[in-house]
Amino acid sequence: MPRIKNKSKQYLFKNKINLRRKSRRELIKESFLMMTFGTFLLLINYFIPQKLELFYSLKKNILGITGNFLEILFYSLEILFVLFISFTILLSLFLIIGSINRIIKVMQPKSRKISFRKN
């Protein structure tokens, strides 16, 4: 029987990593790109008006969000109760109608017709 070459899991990603080091030019290019992006983000933050008021109102906003979230949960729970009640009413109606139908079929006298099989 030929031996199947199953590599173990520890060698699954062997020799897949790029081991080449970046050149100085690439490193300098990336560092200038990072510096440009950082200054751009600082510039965006500088142009946002009333930063301190935003920080001061943060606690109030978080409390408002949690209050609204709890209100949403409360209303969702009420909706689930209404759906549960309507589902159980429909299910009970189907069960009652099915039981009445079964009782009627059981109580009816069977017909005395003789059925013949045709060969």
C-alpha atoms as a PDB file:
ATOM      1  CA  MET A   1       0.000   0.000   0.000  1.00  0.00           C
ATOM      2  CA  PRO A   2       1.528   3.335  -1.002  1.00  0.00           C
ATOM      3  CA  ARG A   3       2.223   5.786   1.757  1.00  0.00           C
ATOM      4  CA  ILE A   4       0.132   8.925   1.520  1.00  0.00           C
ATOM      5  CA  LYS A   5       2.146  12.096   1.963  1.00  0.00           C
ATOM      6  CA  ASN A   6       0.272  13.888   4.715  1.00  0.00           C
ATOM      7  CA  LYS A   7       2.224  16.821   5.993  1.00  0.00           C
ATOM      8  CA  SER A   8       1.643  17.482   9.640  1.00  0.00           C
ATOM      9  CA  LYS A   9      -0.044  20.699  10.703  1.00  0.00           C
ATOM     10  CA  GLN A  10       3.168  22.218  12.005  1.00  0.00           C
ATOM     11  CA  TYR A  11       4.560  22.302   8.468  1.00  0.00           C
ATOM     12  CA  LEU A  12       1.383  23.637   6.880  1.00  0.00           C
ATOM     13  CA  PHE A  13       2.625  27.218   6.535  1.00  0.00           C
ATOM     14  CA  LYS A  14       6.323  26.493   6.271  1.00  0.00           C
ATOM     15  CA  ASN A  15       8.184  28.723   3.818  1.00  0.00           C
ATOM     16  CA  LYS A  16       5.087  30.847   3.191  1.00  0.00           C
ATOM     17  CA  ILE A  17       6.293  33.960   5.040  1.00  0.00           C
ATOM     18  CA  ASN A  18       8.080  36.663   3.121  1.00  0.00           C
ATOM     19  CA  LEU A  19      11.430  36.924   4.888  1.00  0.00           C
ATOM     20  CA  ARG A  20      12.785  39.736   2.700  1.00  0.00           C
ATOM     21  CA  ARG A  21      13.628  42.872   4.655  1.00  0.00           C
ATOM     22  CA  LYS A  22      12.393  46.219   3.471  1.00  0.00           C
ATOM     23  CA  SER A  23      14.887  48.625   2.041  1.00  0.00           C
ATOM     24  CA  ARG A  24      15.691  51.935   3.690  1.00  0.00           C
ATOM     25  CA  ARG A  25      13.871  53.770   0.955  1.00  0.00           C
ATOM     26  CA  GLU A  26      10.652  51.802   1.562  1.00  0.00           C
ATOM     27  CA  LEU A  27      10.907  52.341   5.336  1.00  0.00           C
ATOM     28  CA  ILE A  28      11.387  56.111   4.902  1.00  0.00           C
ATOM     29  CA  LYS A  29       8.513  56.247   2.411  1.00  0.00           C
ATOM     30  CA  GLU A  30       6.219  54.425   4.853  1.00  0.00           C
ATOM     31  CA  SER A  31       7.267  56.654   7.773  1.00  0.00           C
ATOM     32  CA  PHE A  32       6.488  59.827   5.779  1.00  0.00           C
ATOM     33  CA  LEU A  33       3.147  58.343   4.770  1.00  0.00           C
ATOM     34  CA  MET A  34       2.399  57.594   8.440  1.00  0.00           C
ATOM     35  CA  MET A  35       3.417  61.130   9.443  1.00  0.00           C
ATOM     36  CA  THR A  36       1.205  62.636   6.737  1.00  0.00           C
ATOM     37  CA  PHE A  37      -1.766  60.544   7.805  1.00  0.00           C
ATOM     38  CA  GLY A  38      -1.222  61.464  11.481  1.00  0.00           C
ATOM     39  CA  THR A  39      -1.063  65.194  10.755  1.00  0.00           C
ATOM     40  CA  PHE A  40      -4.177  64.898   8.589  1.00  0.00           C
ATOM     41  CA  LEU A  41      -6.053  63.319  11.512  1.00  0.00           C
ATOM     42  CA  LEU A  42      -4.849  66.070  13.855  1.00  0.00           C
ATOM     43  CA  LEU A  43      -6.005  68.678  11.340  1.00  0.00           C
ATOM     44  CA  ILE A  44      -9.448  67.080  11.193  1.00  0.00           C
ATOM     45  CA  ASN A  45      -9.612  67.144  15.013  1.00  0.00           C
ATOM     46  CA  TYR A  46      -8.550  70.787  15.052  1.00  0.00           C
ATOM     47  CA  PHE A  47     -11.436  71.827  12.797  1.00  0.00           C
ATOM     48  CA  ILE A  48     -14.112  70.133  14.965  1.00  0.00           C
ATOM     49  CA  PRO A  49     -15.867  72.957  16.852  1.00  0.00           C
ATOM     50  CA  GLN A  50     -16.767  72.833  20.566  1.00  0.00           C
ATOM     51  CA  LYS A  51     -14.723  69.780  21.467  1.00  0.00           C
ATOM     52  CA  LEU A  52     -14.914  70.394  25.215  1.00  0.00           C
ATOM     53  CA  GLU A  53     -18.716  70.605  25.178  1.00  0.00           C
ATOM     54  CA  LEU A  54     -18.803  67.262  23.388  1.00  0.00           C
ATOM     55  CA  PHE A  55     -16.670  65.690  26.113  1.00  0.00           C
ATOM     56  CA  TYR A  56     -18.785  67.249  28.868  1.00  0.00           C
ATOM     57  CA  SER A  57     -22.044  66.003  27.317  1.00  0.00           C
ATOM     58  CA  LEU A  58     -20.692  62.478  26.834  1.00  0.00           C
ATOM     59  CA  LYS A  59     -22.051  61.188  30.171  1.00  0.00           C
ATOM     60  CA  LYS A  60     -25.499  62.631  29.484  1.00  0.00           C
ATOM     61  CA  ASN A  61     -25.538  61.108  25.995  1.00  0.00           C
ATOM     62  CA  ILE A  62     -24.537  57.664  27.264  1.00  0.00           C
ATOM     63  CA  LEU A  63     -27.268  57.770  29.920  1.00  0.00           C
ATOM     64  CA  GLY A  64     -29.786  58.830  27.264  1.00  0.00           C
ATOM     65  CA  ILE A  65     -28.727  55.975  24.991  1.00  0.00           C
ATOM     66  CA  THR A  66     -29.066  53.401  27.785  1.00  0.00           C
ATOM     67  CA  GLY A  67     -32.485  54.817  28.705  1.00  0.00           C
ATOM     68  CA  ASN A  68     -33.644  54.583  25.114  1.00  0.00           C
ATOM     69  CA  PHE A  69     -32.183  51.099  24.834  1.00  0.00           C
ATOM     70  CA  LEU A  70     -34.107  49.954  27.905  1.00  0.00           C
ATOM     71  CA  GLU A  71     -37.271  51.520  26.476  1.00  0.00           C
ATOM     72  CA  ILE A  72     -36.725  49.673  23.188  1.00  0.00           C
ATOM     73  CA  LEU A  73     -36.271  46.410  25.102  1.00  0.00           C
ATOM     74  CA  PHE A  74     -39.466  47.042  27.062  1.00  0.00           C
ATOM     75  CA  TYR A  75     -41.498  47.707  23.910  1.00  0.00           C
ATOM     76  CA  SER A  76     -39.940  44.704  22.171  1.00  0.00           C
ATOM     77  CA  LEU A  77     -40.951  42.529  25.105  1.00  0.00           C
ATOM     78  CA  GLU A  78     -44.538  43.781  24.791  1.00  0.00           C
ATOM     79  CA  ILE A  79     -44.504  43.003  21.065  1.00  0.00           C
ATOM     80  CA  LEU A  80     -43.217  39.491  21.800  1.00  0.00           C
ATOM     81  CA  PHE A  81     -46.014  38.975  24.346  1.00  0.00           C
ATOM     82  CA  VAL A  82     -48.640  40.019  21.789  1.00  0.00           C
ATOM     83  CA  LEU A  83     -47.142  37.696  19.166  1.00  0.00           C
ATOM     84  CA  PHE A  84     -47.039  34.832  21.682  1.00  0.00           C
ATOM     85  CA  ILE A  85     -50.681  35.398  22.671  1.00  0.00           C
ATOM     86  CA  SER A  86     -51.876  35.527  19.054  1.00  0.00           C
ATOM     87  CA  PHE A  87     -49.840  32.423  18.145  1.00  0.00           C
ATOM     88  CA  THR A  88     -51.222  30.443  21.096  1.00  0.00           C
ATOM     89  CA  ILE A  89     -54.796  31.512  20.266  1.00  0.00           C
ATOM     90  CA  LEU A  90     -54.410  30.327  16.669  1.00  0.00           C
ATOM     91  CA  LEU A  91     -52.767  27.076  17.781  1.00  0.00           C
ATOM     92  CA  SER A  92     -55.492  26.371  20.335  1.00  0.00           C
ATOM     93  CA  LEU A  93     -58.182  27.044  17.716  1.00  0.00           C
ATOM     94  CA  PHE A  94     -56.528  24.598  15.298  1.00  0.00           C
ATOM     95  CA  LEU A  95     -56.259  21.973  18.039  1.00  0.00           C
ATOM     96  CA  ILE A  96     -59.896  22.384  19.111  1.00  0.00           C
ATOM     97  CA  ILE A  97     -61.187  22.271  15.519  1.00  0.00           C
ATOM     98  CA  GLY A  98     -59.028  19.199  14.832  1.00  0.00           C
ATOM     99  CA  SER A  99     -60.285  17.418  17.951  1.00  0.00           C
ATOM    100  CA  ILE A 100     -63.934  18.202  17.074  1.00  0.00           C
ATOM    101  CA  ASN A 101     -63.322  16.918  13.544  1.00  0.00           C
ATOM    102  CA  ARG A 102     -61.790  13.704  14.908  1.00  0.00           C
ATOM    103  CA  ILE A 103     -64.662  13.171  17.381  1.00  0.00           C
ATOM    104  CA  ILE A 104     -67.209  13.608  14.574  1.00  0.00           C
ATOM    105  CA  LYS A 105     -65.361  11.115  12.354  1.00  0.00           C
ATOM    106  CA  VAL A 106     -65.147   8.564  15.184  1.00  0.00           C
ATOM    107  CA  MET A 107     -68.795   8.933  16.191  1.00  0.00           C
ATOM    108  CA  GLN A 108     -70.205   8.615  12.661  1.00  0.00           C
ATOM    109  CA  PRO A 109     -71.321   5.118  11.780  1.00  0.00           C
ATOM    110  CA  LYS A 110     -69.177   3.466   9.185  1.00  0.00           C
ATOM    111  CA  SER A 111     -70.819   2.628   5.920  1.00  0.00           C
ATOM    112  CA  ARG A 112     -71.436  -1.015   5.132  1.00  0.00           C
ATOM    113  CA  LYS A 113     -70.113  -0.850   1.614  1.00  0.00           C
ATOM    114  CA  ILE A 114     -67.984  -3.784   0.648  1.00  0.00           C
ATOM    115  CA  SER A 115     -64.984  -2.868  -1.370  1.00  0.00           C
ATOM    116  CA  PHE A 116     -63.712  -5.367  -3.926  1.00  0.00           C
ATOM    117  CA  ARG A 117     -60.158  -5.454  -5.077  1.00  0.00           C
ATOM    118  CA  LYS A 118     -59.557  -5.658  -8.745  1.00  0.00           C
ATOM    119  CA  ASN A 119     -56.680  -7.880  -9.748  1.00  0.00           C
END
